[in-house]
Amino acid sequence: MNVELEAGGRVLSISGTKEEDVNEELGAIKFSSHTSRSFQQKFTLDPLIDSSKMSANLDPEHGILVIRAPRKQQEIEDTKHIPITQFDQIEWEELISAESE
């Protein structure tokens, strides 16, 4: 089995081929066959995927392909501390009366 992965832009392409030859003899009869299978699948990647850090592992015995696609490190924006103060009674009454008008 031959499997290839390509990531370009936001597209991940997976393609593969599997070829099998069978040769059997049943007495004077000889049987021979060749089978070839191929596939191709394309996926659109999330914009947050870091394609330069993708990796893949194949278990050829079971035909399982595991692809790891880590997300890009997001930059943390500067945060601002917002202080919370208490209203005094006059400010509170002014706010309530302004909202009810």
PDB file of N, CA and C in Angstrom:
ATOM      1  N   MET A   1       0.847  -1.169   0.000  1.00  0.00           N
ATOM      2  CA  MET A   1       0.000   0.000   0.000  1.00  0.00           C
ATOM      3  C   MET A   1       0.890   1.228   0.000  1.00  0.00           C
ATOM      4  N   ASN A   2       0.552   2.175  -0.837  1.00  0.00           N
ATOM      5  CA  ASN A   2       1.293   3.417  -0.935  1.00  0.00           C
ATOM      6  C   ASN A   2       0.320   4.559  -0.666  1.00  0.00           C
ATOM      7  N   VAL A   3       0.588   5.366   0.358  1.00  0.00           N
ATOM      8  CA  VAL A   3      -0.289   6.478   0.725  1.00  0.00           C
ATOM      9  C   VAL A   3       0.538   7.753   0.739  1.00  0.00           C
ATOM     10  N   GLU A   4      -0.036   8.832   0.169  1.00  0.00           N
ATOM     11  CA  GLU A   4       0.651  10.118   0.152  1.00  0.00           C
ATOM     12  C   GLU A   4      -0.257  11.197   0.704  1.00  0.00           C
ATOM     13  N   LEU A   5       0.340  12.135   1.438  1.00  0.00           N
ATOM     14  CA  LEU A   5      -0.374  13.292   1.986  1.00  0.00           C
ATOM     15  C   LEU A   5       0.283  14.555   1.454  1.00  0.00           C
ATOM     16  N   GLU A   6      -0.539  15.522   1.094  1.00  0.00           N
ATOM     17  CA  GLU A   6      -0.036  16.831   0.695  1.00  0.00           C
ATOM     18  C   GLU A   6      -0.927  17.892   1.302  1.00  0.00           C
ATOM     19  N   ALA A   7      -0.303  18.926   1.864  1.00  0.00           N
ATOM     20  CA  ALA A   7      -1.068  20.048   2.408  1.00  0.00           C
ATOM     21  C   ALA A   7      -0.583  21.305   1.711  1.00  0.00           C
ATOM     22  N   GLY A   8      -1.503  21.978   1.046  1.00  0.00           N
ATOM     23  CA  GLY A   8      -1.180  23.219   0.359  1.00  0.00           C
ATOM     24  C   GLY A   8      -2.277  24.228   0.631  1.00  0.00           C
ATOM     25  N   GLY A   9      -1.908  25.371   1.154  1.00  0.00           N
ATOM     26  CA  GLY A   9      -2.931  26.342   1.523  1.00  0.00           C
ATOM     27  C   GLY A   9      -3.788  25.757   2.625  1.00  0.00           C
ATOM     28  N   ARG A  10      -5.073  25.680   2.392  1.00  0.00           N
ATOM     29  CA  ARG A  10      -5.987  25.116   3.384  1.00  0.00           C
ATOM     30  C   ARG A  10      -6.537  23.771   2.931  1.00  0.00           C
ATOM     31  N   VAL A  11      -5.870  23.112   1.964  1.00  0.00           N
ATOM     32  CA  VAL A  11      -6.364  21.840   1.437  1.00  0.00           C
ATOM     33  C   VAL A  11      -5.411  20.710   1.801  1.00  0.00           C
ATOM     34  N   LEU A  12      -5.969  19.639   2.348  1.00  0.00           N
ATOM     35  CA  LEU A  12      -5.224  18.422   2.642  1.00  0.00           C
ATOM     36  C   LEU A  12      -5.670  17.374   1.631  1.00  0.00           C
ATOM     37  N   SER A  13      -4.717  16.833   0.874  1.00  0.00           N
ATOM     38  CA  SER A  13      -5.013  15.792  -0.116  1.00  0.00           C
ATOM     39  C   SER A  13      -4.417  14.476   0.348  1.00  0.00           C
ATOM     40  N   ILE A  14      -5.240  13.444   0.333  1.00  0.00           N
ATOM     41  CA  ILE A  14      -4.789  12.098   0.687  1.00  0.00           C
ATOM     42  C   ILE A  14      -5.029  11.226  -0.544  1.00  0.00           C
ATOM     43  N   SER A  15      -3.997  10.540  -0.988  1.00  0.00           N
ATOM     44  CA  SER A  15      -4.160   9.630  -2.123  1.00  0.00           C
ATOM     45  C   SER A  15      -3.382   8.357  -1.835  1.00  0.00           C
ATOM     46  N   GLY A  16      -3.793   7.299  -2.475  1.00  0.00           N
ATOM     47  CA  GLY A  16      -3.115   6.033  -2.246  1.00  0.00           C
ATOM     48  C   GLY A  16      -3.430   5.010  -3.319  1.00  0.00           C
ATOM     49  N   THR A  17      -2.560   4.012  -3.385  1.00  0.00           N
ATOM     50  CA  THR A  17      -2.763   2.890  -4.304  1.00  0.00           C
ATOM     51  C   THR A  17      -2.412   1.600  -3.571  1.00  0.00           C
ATOM     52  N   LYS A  18      -3.056   0.543  -4.002  1.00  0.00           N
ATOM     53  CA  LYS A  18      -2.748  -0.778  -3.477  1.00  0.00           C
ATOM     54  C   LYS A  18      -2.810  -1.749  -4.655  1.00  0.00           C
ATOM     55  N   GLU A  19      -1.743  -2.493  -4.822  1.00  0.00           N
ATOM     56  CA  GLU A  19      -1.681  -3.455  -5.908  1.00  0.00           C
ATOM     57  C   GLU A  19      -1.484  -4.845  -5.328  1.00  0.00           C
ATOM     58  N   GLU A  20      -2.100  -5.817  -5.988  1.00  0.00           N
ATOM     59  CA  GLU A  20      -2.025  -7.186  -5.497  1.00  0.00           C
ATOM     60  C   GLU A  20      -1.928  -8.142  -6.691  1.00  0.00           C
ATOM     61  N   ASP A  21      -0.950  -9.039  -6.638  1.00  0.00           N
ATOM     62  CA  ASP A  21      -0.787 -10.084  -7.658  1.00  0.00           C
ATOM     63  C   ASP A  21      -1.091 -11.435  -7.027  1.00  0.00           C
ATOM     64  N   VAL A  22      -1.869 -12.227  -7.723  1.00  0.00           N
ATOM     65  CA  VAL A  22      -2.205 -13.569  -7.247  1.00  0.00           C
ATOM     66  C   VAL A  22      -1.818 -14.562  -8.330  1.00  0.00           C
ATOM     67  N   ASN A  23      -1.040 -15.572  -7.956  1.00  0.00           N
ATOM     68  CA  ASN A  23      -0.654 -16.654  -8.864  1.00  0.00           C
ATOM     69  C   ASN A  23      -0.970 -17.974  -8.177  1.00  0.00           C
ATOM     70  N   GLU A  24      -1.827 -18.773  -8.787  1.00  0.00           N
ATOM     71  CA  GLU A  24      -2.212 -20.061  -8.215  1.00  0.00           C
ATOM     72  C   GLU A  24      -2.114 -21.154  -9.280  1.00  0.00           C
ATOM     73  N   GLU A  25      -1.854 -22.330  -8.799  1.00  0.00           N
ATOM     74  CA  GLU A  25      -1.835 -23.503  -9.685  1.00  0.00           C
ATOM     75  C   GLU A  25      -2.753 -24.556  -9.105  1.00  0.00           C
ATOM     76  N   LEU A  26      -3.682 -25.009  -9.904  1.00  0.00           N
ATOM     77  CA  LEU A  26      -4.577 -26.094  -9.529  1.00  0.00           C
ATOM     78  C   LEU A  26      -4.371 -27.230 -10.528  1.00  0.00           C
ATOM     79  N   GLY A  27      -3.409 -28.078 -10.244  1.00  0.00           N
ATOM     80  CA  GLY A  27      -3.076 -29.154 -11.185  1.00  0.00           C
ATOM     81  C   GLY A  27      -2.457 -28.562 -12.431  1.00  0.00           C
ATOM     82  N   ALA A  28      -3.071 -28.826 -13.581  1.00  0.00           N
ATOM     83  CA  ALA A  28      -2.551 -28.335 -14.850  1.00  0.00           C
ATOM     84  C   ALA A  28      -3.042 -26.917 -15.152  1.00  0.00           C
ATOM     85  N   ILE A  29      -3.929 -26.382 -14.331  1.00  0.00           N
ATOM     86  CA  ILE A  29      -4.486 -25.055 -14.577  1.00  0.00           C
ATOM     87  C   ILE A  29      -3.712 -24.017 -13.764  1.00  0.00           C
ATOM     88  N   LYS A  30      -3.284 -22.979 -14.456  1.00  0.00           N
ATOM     89  CA  LYS A  30      -2.583 -21.872 -13.792  1.00  0.00           C
ATOM     90  C   LYS A  30      -3.493 -20.650 -13.826  1.00  0.00           C
ATOM     91  N   PHE A  31      -3.600 -20.012 -12.691  1.00  0.00           N
ATOM     92  CA  PHE A  31      -4.454 -18.832 -12.564  1.00  0.00           C
ATOM     93  C   PHE A  31      -3.578 -17.671 -12.103  1.00  0.00           C
ATOM     94  N   SER A  32      -3.721 -16.541 -12.770  1.00  0.00           N
ATOM     95  CA  SER A  32      -2.925 -15.365 -12.443  1.00  0.00           C
ATOM     96  C   SER A  32      -3.821 -14.127 -12.552  1.00  0.00           C
ATOM     97  N   SER A  33      -3.735 -13.239 -11.563  1.00  0.00           N
ATOM     98  CA  SER A  33      -4.511 -11.999 -11.628  1.00  0.00           C
ATOM     99  C   SER A  33      -3.727 -10.850 -11.017  1.00  0.00           C
ATOM    100  N   HIS A  34      -4.069  -9.656 -11.454  1.00  0.00           N
ATOM    101  CA  HIS A  34      -3.457  -8.434 -10.932  1.00  0.00           C
ATOM    102  C   HIS A  34      -4.592  -7.469 -10.606  1.00  0.00           C
ATOM    103  N   THR A  35      -4.605  -6.965  -9.368  1.00  0.00           N
ATOM    104  CA  THR A  35      -5.628  -6.014  -8.944  1.00  0.00           C
ATOM    105  C   THR A  35      -4.944  -4.727  -8.502  1.00  0.00           C
ATOM    106  N   SER A  36      -5.482  -3.607  -8.951  1.00  0.00           N
ATOM    107  CA  SER A  36      -4.950  -2.309  -8.571  1.00  0.00           C
ATOM    108  C   SER A  36      -6.112  -1.437  -8.119  1.00  0.00           C
ATOM    109  N   ARG A  37      -5.962  -0.833  -6.946  1.00  0.00           N
ATOM    110  CA  ARG A  37      -6.985   0.054  -6.401  1.00  0.00           C
ATOM    111  C   ARG A  37      -6.331   1.390  -6.068  1.00  0.00           C
ATOM    112  N   SER A  38      -7.084   2.446  -6.276  1.00  0.00           N
ATOM    113  CA  SER A  38      -6.556   3.763  -5.914  1.00  0.00           C
ATOM    114  C   SER A  38      -7.684   4.621  -5.354  1.00  0.00           C
ATOM    115  N   PHE A  39      -7.292   5.617  -4.576  1.00  0.00           N
ATOM    116  CA  PHE A  39      -8.273   6.544  -4.017  1.00  0.00           C
ATOM    117  C   PHE A  39      -7.630   7.910  -3.887  1.00  0.00           C
ATOM    118  N   GLN A  40      -8.492   8.930  -3.817  1.00  0.00           N
ATOM    119  CA  GLN A  40      -8.034  10.287  -3.572  1.00  0.00           C
ATOM    120  C   GLN A  40      -9.152  11.020  -2.843  1.00  0.00           C
ATOM    121  N   GLN A  41      -8.788  11.729  -1.793  1.00  0.00           N
ATOM    122  CA  GLN A  41      -9.758  12.487  -1.006  1.00  0.00           C
ATOM    123  C   GLN A  41      -9.128  13.823  -0.647  1.00  0.00           C
ATOM    124  N   LYS A  42      -9.916  14.897  -0.717  1.00  0.00           N
ATOM    125  CA  LYS A  42      -9.426  16.227  -0.347  1.00  0.00           C
ATOM    126  C   LYS A  42     -10.302  16.790   0.765  1.00  0.00           C
ATOM    127  N   PHE A  43      -9.645  17.468   1.701  1.00  0.00           N
ATOM    128  CA  PHE A  43     -10.323  18.070   2.844  1.00  0.00           C
ATOM    129  C   PHE A  43      -9.917  19.530   2.957  1.00  0.00           C
ATOM    130  N   THR A  44     -10.857  20.370   3.339  1.00  0.00           N
ATOM    131  CA  THR A  44     -10.546  21.772   3.613  1.00  0.00           C
ATOM    132  C   THR A  44     -10.177  21.884   5.086  1.00  0.00           C
ATOM    133  N   LEU A  45      -9.010  22.442   5.332  1.00  0.00           N
ATOM    134  CA  LEU A  45      -8.521  22.590   6.701  1.00  0.00           C
ATOM    135  C   LEU A  45      -9.059  23.856   7.347  1.00  0.00           C
ATOM    136  N   ASP A  46      -9.273  23.775   8.629  1.00  0.00           N
ATOM    137  CA  ASP A  46      -9.651  24.934   9.430  1.00  0.00           C
ATOM    138  C   ASP A  46      -8.517  25.967   9.323  1.00  0.00           C
ATOM    139  N   PRO A  47      -8.829  27.250   9.219  1.00  0.00           N
ATOM    140  CA  PRO A  47      -7.772  28.261   9.121  1.00  0.00           C
ATOM    141  C   PRO A  47      -6.821  28.277  10.317  1.00  0.00           C
ATOM    142  N   LEU A  48      -7.245  27.716  11.447  1.00  0.00           N
ATOM    143  CA  LEU A  48      -6.386  27.711  12.634  1.00  0.00           C
ATOM    144  C   LEU A  48      -5.389  26.555  12.650  1.00  0.00           C
ATOM    145  N   ILE A  49      -5.445  25.644  11.647  1.00  0.00           N
ATOM    146  CA  ILE A  49      -4.523  24.509  11.597  1.00  0.00           C
ATOM    147  C   ILE A  49      -3.148  24.975  11.118  1.00  0.00           C
ATOM    148  N   ASP A  50      -2.107  24.528  11.791  1.00  0.00           N
ATOM    149  CA  ASP A  50      -0.733  24.830  11.395  1.00  0.00           C
ATOM    150  C   ASP A  50      -0.242  23.663  10.536  1.00  0.00           C
ATOM    151  N   SER A  51      -0.385  23.786   9.219  1.00  0.00           N
ATOM    152  CA  SER A  51      -0.058  22.671   8.318  1.00  0.00           C
ATOM    153  C   SER A  51       1.433  22.325   8.338  1.00  0.00           C
ATOM    154  N   SER A  52       2.291  23.251   8.762  1.00  0.00           N
ATOM    155  CA  SER A  52       3.724  22.959   8.819  1.00  0.00           C
ATOM    156  C   SER A  52       4.055  21.989   9.953  1.00  0.00           C
ATOM    157  N   LYS A  53       3.128  21.796  10.893  1.00  0.00           N
ATOM    158  CA  LYS A  53       3.378  20.900  12.023  1.00  0.00           C
ATOM    159  C   LYS A  53       2.530  19.626  11.967  1.00  0.00           C
ATOM    160  N   MET A  54       1.893  19.374  10.824  1.00  0.00           N
ATOM    161  CA  MET A  54       1.071  18.169  10.694  1.00  0.00           C
ATOM    162  C   MET A  54       1.960  16.932  10.620  1.00  0.00           C
ATOM    163  N   SER A  55       1.436  15.818  11.115  1.00  0.00           N
ATOM    164  CA  SER A  55       2.154  14.546  11.041  1.00  0.00           C
ATOM    165  C   SER A  55       1.140  13.438  10.796  1.00  0.00           C
ATOM    166  N   ALA A  56       1.638  12.292  10.326  1.00  0.00           N
ATOM    167  CA  ALA A  56       0.746  11.174  10.025  1.00  0.00           C
ATOM    168  C   ALA A  56       1.446   9.858  10.311  1.00  0.00           C
ATOM    169  N   ASN A  57       0.649   8.863  10.725  1.00  0.00           N
ATOM    170  CA  ASN A  57       1.137   7.514  10.961  1.00  0.00           C
ATOM    171  C   ASN A  57       0.186   6.543  10.284  1.00  0.00           C
ATOM    172  N   LEU A  58       0.755   5.504   9.673  1.00  0.00           N
ATOM    173  CA  LEU A  58      -0.048   4.506   8.974  1.00  0.00           C
ATOM    174  C   LEU A  58       0.184   3.134   9.595  1.00  0.00           C
ATOM    175  N   ASP A  59      -0.907   2.431   9.888  1.00  0.00           N
ATOM    176  CA  ASP A  59      -0.852   1.036  10.312  1.00  0.00           C
ATOM    177  C   ASP A  59      -1.249   0.210   9.086  1.00  0.00           C
ATOM    178  N   PRO A  60      -0.273  -0.260   8.287  1.00  0.00           N
ATOM    179  CA  PRO A  60      -0.606  -0.947   7.036  1.00  0.00           C
ATOM    180  C   PRO A  60      -1.345  -2.264   7.244  1.00  0.00           C
ATOM    181  N   GLU A  61      -1.131  -2.897   8.383  1.00  0.00           N
ATOM    182  CA  GLU A  61      -1.795  -4.169   8.647  1.00  0.00           C
ATOM    183  C   GLU A  61      -3.312  -3.989   8.743  1.00  0.00           C
ATOM    184  N   HIS A  62      -3.745  -2.915   9.394  1.00  0.00           N
ATOM    185  CA  HIS A  62      -5.172  -2.669   9.587  1.00  0.00           C
ATOM    186  C   HIS A  62      -5.722  -1.581   8.670  1.00  0.00           C
ATOM    187  N   GLY A  63      -4.840  -0.900   7.919  1.00  0.00           N
ATOM    188  CA  GLY A  63      -5.280   0.146   7.002  1.00  0.00           C
ATOM    189  C   GLY A  63      -5.766   1.396   7.696  1.00  0.00           C
ATOM    190  N   ILE A  64      -5.173   1.719   8.840  1.00  0.00           N
ATOM    191  CA  ILE A  64      -5.606   2.896   9.610  1.00  0.00           C
ATOM    192  C   ILE A  64      -4.560   4.002   9.455  1.00  0.00           C
ATOM    193  N   LEU A  65      -5.016   5.168   9.016  1.00  0.00           N
ATOM    194  CA  LEU A  65      -4.163   6.336   8.873  1.00  0.00           C
ATOM    195  C   LEU A  65      -4.577   7.356   9.934  1.00  0.00           C
ATOM    196  N   VAL A  66      -3.628   7.767  10.762  1.00  0.00           N
ATOM    197  CA  VAL A  66      -3.894   8.761  11.805  1.00  0.00           C
ATOM    198  C   VAL A  66      -3.154  10.032  11.423  1.00  0.00           C
ATOM    199  N   ILE A  67      -3.905  11.131  11.304  1.00  0.00           N
ATOM    200  CA  ILE A  67      -3.322  12.424  10.946  1.00  0.00           C
ATOM    201  C   ILE A  67      -3.471  13.357  12.134  1.00  0.00           C
ATOM    202  N   ARG A  68      -2.379  13.961  12.525  1.00  0.00           N
ATOM    203  CA  ARG A  68      -2.404  14.939  13.609  1.00  0.00           C
ATOM    204  C   ARG A  68      -2.254  16.327  12.992  1.00  0.00           C
ATOM    205  N   ALA A  69      -3.194  17.198  13.306  1.00  0.00           N
ATOM    206  CA  ALA A  69      -3.205  18.549  12.748  1.00  0.00           C
ATOM    207  C   ALA A  69      -3.329  19.558  13.890  1.00  0.00           C
ATOM    208  N   PRO A  70      -2.193  19.955  14.471  1.00  0.00           N
ATOM    209  CA  PRO A  70      -2.267  20.878  15.603  1.00  0.00           C
ATOM    210  C   PRO A  70      -2.714  22.274  15.176  1.00  0.00           C
ATOM    211  N   ARG A  71      -3.346  22.953  16.100  1.00  0.00           N
ATOM    212  CA  ARG A  71      -3.785  24.320  15.849  1.00  0.00           C
ATOM    213  C   ARG A  71      -2.602  25.275  16.016  1.00  0.00           C
ATOM    214  N   LYS A  72      -2.692  26.408  15.337  1.00  0.00           N
ATOM    215  CA  LYS A  72      -1.680  27.449  15.482  1.00  0.00           C
ATOM    216  C   LYS A  72      -1.781  28.025  16.888  1.00  0.00           C
ATOM    217  N   GLN A  73      -0.658  28.476  17.399  1.00  0.00           N
ATOM    218  CA  GLN A  73      -0.667  29.153  18.690  1.00  0.00           C
ATOM    219  C   GLN A  73      -1.324  30.503  18.489  1.00  0.00           C
ATOM    220  N   GLN A  74      -2.363  30.761  19.225  1.00  0.00           N
ATOM    221  CA  GLN A  74      -3.036  32.050  19.111  1.00  0.00           C
ATOM    222  C   GLN A  74      -2.339  33.065  20.004  1.00  0.00           C
ATOM    223  N   GLU A  75      -2.137  34.219  19.428  1.00  0.00           N
ATOM    224  CA  GLU A  75      -1.522  35.286  20.214  1.00  0.00           C
ATOM    225  C   GLU A  75      -2.548  35.811  21.218  1.00  0.00           C
ATOM    226  N   ILE A  76      -2.095  35.970  22.423  1.00  0.00           N
ATOM    227  CA  ILE A  76      -2.977  36.481  23.473  1.00  0.00           C
ATOM    228  C   ILE A  76      -2.945  38.004  23.414  1.00  0.00           C
ATOM    229  N   GLU A  77      -4.123  38.566  23.227  1.00  0.00           N
ATOM    230  CA  GLU A  77      -4.206  40.017  23.164  1.00  0.00           C
ATOM    231  C   GLU A  77      -3.963  40.594  24.550  1.00  0.00           C
ATOM    232  N   ASP A  78      -3.462  41.836  24.551  1.00  0.00           N
ATOM    233  CA  ASP A  78      -3.269  42.519  25.830  1.00  0.00           C
ATOM    234  C   ASP A  78      -4.623  42.652  26.518  1.00  0.00           C
ATOM    235  N   THR A  79      -4.639  42.333  27.771  1.00  0.00           N
ATOM    236  CA  THR A  79      -5.885  42.461  28.521  1.00  0.00           C
ATOM    237  C   THR A  79      -5.793  43.686  29.427  1.00  0.00           C
ATOM    238  N   LYS A  80      -6.935  44.234  29.677  1.00  0.00           N
ATOM    239  CA  LYS A  80      -7.000  45.433  30.505  1.00  0.00           C
ATOM    240  C   LYS A  80      -7.852  45.123  31.717  1.00  0.00           C
ATOM    241  N   HIS A  81      -7.334  45.455  32.857  1.00  0.00           N
ATOM    242  CA  HIS A  81      -8.080  45.282  34.097  1.00  0.00           C
ATOM    243  C   HIS A  81      -9.124  46.384  34.192  1.00  0.00           C
ATOM    244  N   ILE A  82     -10.366  45.994  34.436  1.00  0.00           N
ATOM    245  CA  ILE A  82     -11.450  46.963  34.562  1.00  0.00           C
ATOM    246  C   ILE A  82     -11.889  46.967  36.021  1.00  0.00           C
ATOM    247  N   PRO A  83     -11.644  48.068  36.712  1.00  0.00           N
ATOM    248  CA  PRO A  83     -12.019  48.111  38.130  1.00  0.00           C
ATOM    249  C   PRO A  83     -13.539  48.199  38.297  1.00  0.00           C
ATOM    250  N   ILE A  84     -14.020  47.608  39.356  1.00  0.00           N
ATOM    251  CA  ILE A  84     -15.442  47.655  39.692  1.00  0.00           C
ATOM    252  C   ILE A  84     -15.594  48.500  40.943  1.00  0.00           C
ATOM    253  N   THR A  85     -16.409  49.513  40.811  1.00  0.00           N
ATOM    254  CA  THR A  85     -16.646  50.381  41.961  1.00  0.00           C
ATOM    255  C   THR A  85     -18.107  50.288  42.364  1.00  0.00           C
ATOM    256  N   GLN A  86     -18.408  50.737  43.550  1.00  0.00           N
ATOM    257  CA  GLN A  86     -19.788  50.716  44.029  1.00  0.00           C
ATOM    258  C   GLN A  86     -20.406  52.089  43.831  1.00  0.00           C
ATOM    259  N   PHE A  87     -21.706  52.056  43.460  1.00  0.00           N
ATOM    260  CA  PHE A  87     -22.441  53.310  43.366  1.00  0.00           C
ATOM    261  C   PHE A  87     -22.669  53.850  44.773  1.00  0.00           C
ATOM    262  N   ASP A  88     -22.615  55.171  44.873  1.00  0.00           N
ATOM    263  CA  ASP A  88     -23.126  55.726  46.124  1.00  0.00           C
ATOM    264  C   ASP A  88     -24.627  55.909  45.927  1.00  0.00           C
ATOM    265  N   GLN A  89     -25.342  56.158  46.943  1.00  0.00           N
ATOM    266  CA  GLN A  89     -26.803  56.189  46.912  1.00  0.00           C
ATOM    267  C   GLN A  89     -27.338  57.207  45.906  1.00  0.00           C
ATOM    268  N   ILE A  90     -26.727  58.369  45.806  1.00  0.00           N
ATOM    269  CA  ILE A  90     -27.208  59.433  44.902  1.00  0.00           C
ATOM    270  C   ILE A  90     -27.015  58.990  43.442  1.00  0.00           C
ATOM    271  N   GLU A  91     -25.831  58.448  43.098  1.00  0.00           N
ATOM    272  CA  GLU A  91     -25.588  57.977  41.730  1.00  0.00           C
ATOM    273  C   GLU A  91     -26.576  56.879  41.348  1.00  0.00           C
ATOM    274  N   TRP A  92     -26.842  55.964  42.278  1.00  0.00           N
ATOM    275  CA  TRP A  92     -27.762  54.863  42.016  1.00  0.00           C
ATOM    276  C   TRP A  92     -29.172  55.371  41.726  1.00  0.00           C
ATOM    277  N   GLU A  93     -29.652  56.300  42.520  1.00  0.00           N
ATOM    278  CA  GLU A  93     -30.991  56.858  42.326  1.00  0.00           C
ATOM    279  C   GLU A  93     -31.086  57.619  41.006  1.00  0.00           C
ATOM    280  N   GLU A  94     -30.024  58.336  40.632  1.00  0.00           N
ATOM    281  CA  GLU A  94     -30.009  59.056  39.349  1.00  0.00           C
ATOM    282  C   GLU A  94     -30.065  58.059  38.180  1.00  0.00           C
ATOM    283  N   LEU A  95     -29.326  56.963  38.276  1.00  0.00           N
ATOM    284  CA  LEU A  95     -29.327  55.948  37.219  1.00  0.00           C
ATOM    285  C   LEU A  95     -30.702  55.301  37.075  1.00  0.00           C
ATOM    286  N   ILE A  96     -31.308  54.945  38.180  1.00  0.00           N
ATOM    287  CA  ILE A  96     -32.631  54.314  38.154  1.00  0.00           C
ATOM    288  C   ILE A  96     -33.668  55.263  37.589  1.00  0.00           C
ATOM    289  N   SER A  97     -33.652  56.523  38.006  1.00  0.00           N
ATOM    290  CA  SER A  97     -34.665  57.472  37.519  1.00  0.00           C
ATOM    291  C   SER A  97     -34.456  57.776  36.042  1.00  0.00           C
ATOM    292  N   ALA A  98     -33.220  57.807  35.550  1.00  0.00           N
ATOM    293  CA  ALA A  98     -32.950  58.065  34.131  1.00  0.00           C
ATOM    294  C   ALA A  98     -33.424  56.895  33.269  1.00  0.00           C
ATOM    295  N   GLU A  99     -33.310  55.674  33.749  1.00  0.00           N
ATOM    296  CA  GLU A  99     -33.711  54.487  32.993  1.00  0.00           C
ATOM    297  C   GLU A  99     -35.214  54.340  32.928  1.00  0.00           C
ATOM    298  N   SER A 100     -35.933  54.837  33.929  1.00  0.00           N
ATOM    299  CA  SER A 100     -37.377  54.673  33.960  1.00  0.00           C
ATOM    300  C   SER A 100     -38.102  55.728  33.128  1.00  0.00           C
ATOM    301  N   GLU A 101     -37.383  56.743  32.676  1.00  0.00           N
ATOM    302  CA  GLU A 101     -38.028  57.814  31.881  1.00  0.00           C
ATOM    303  C   GLU A 101     -38.238  57.417  30.455  1.00  0.00           C
TER     304      GLU A 101
END
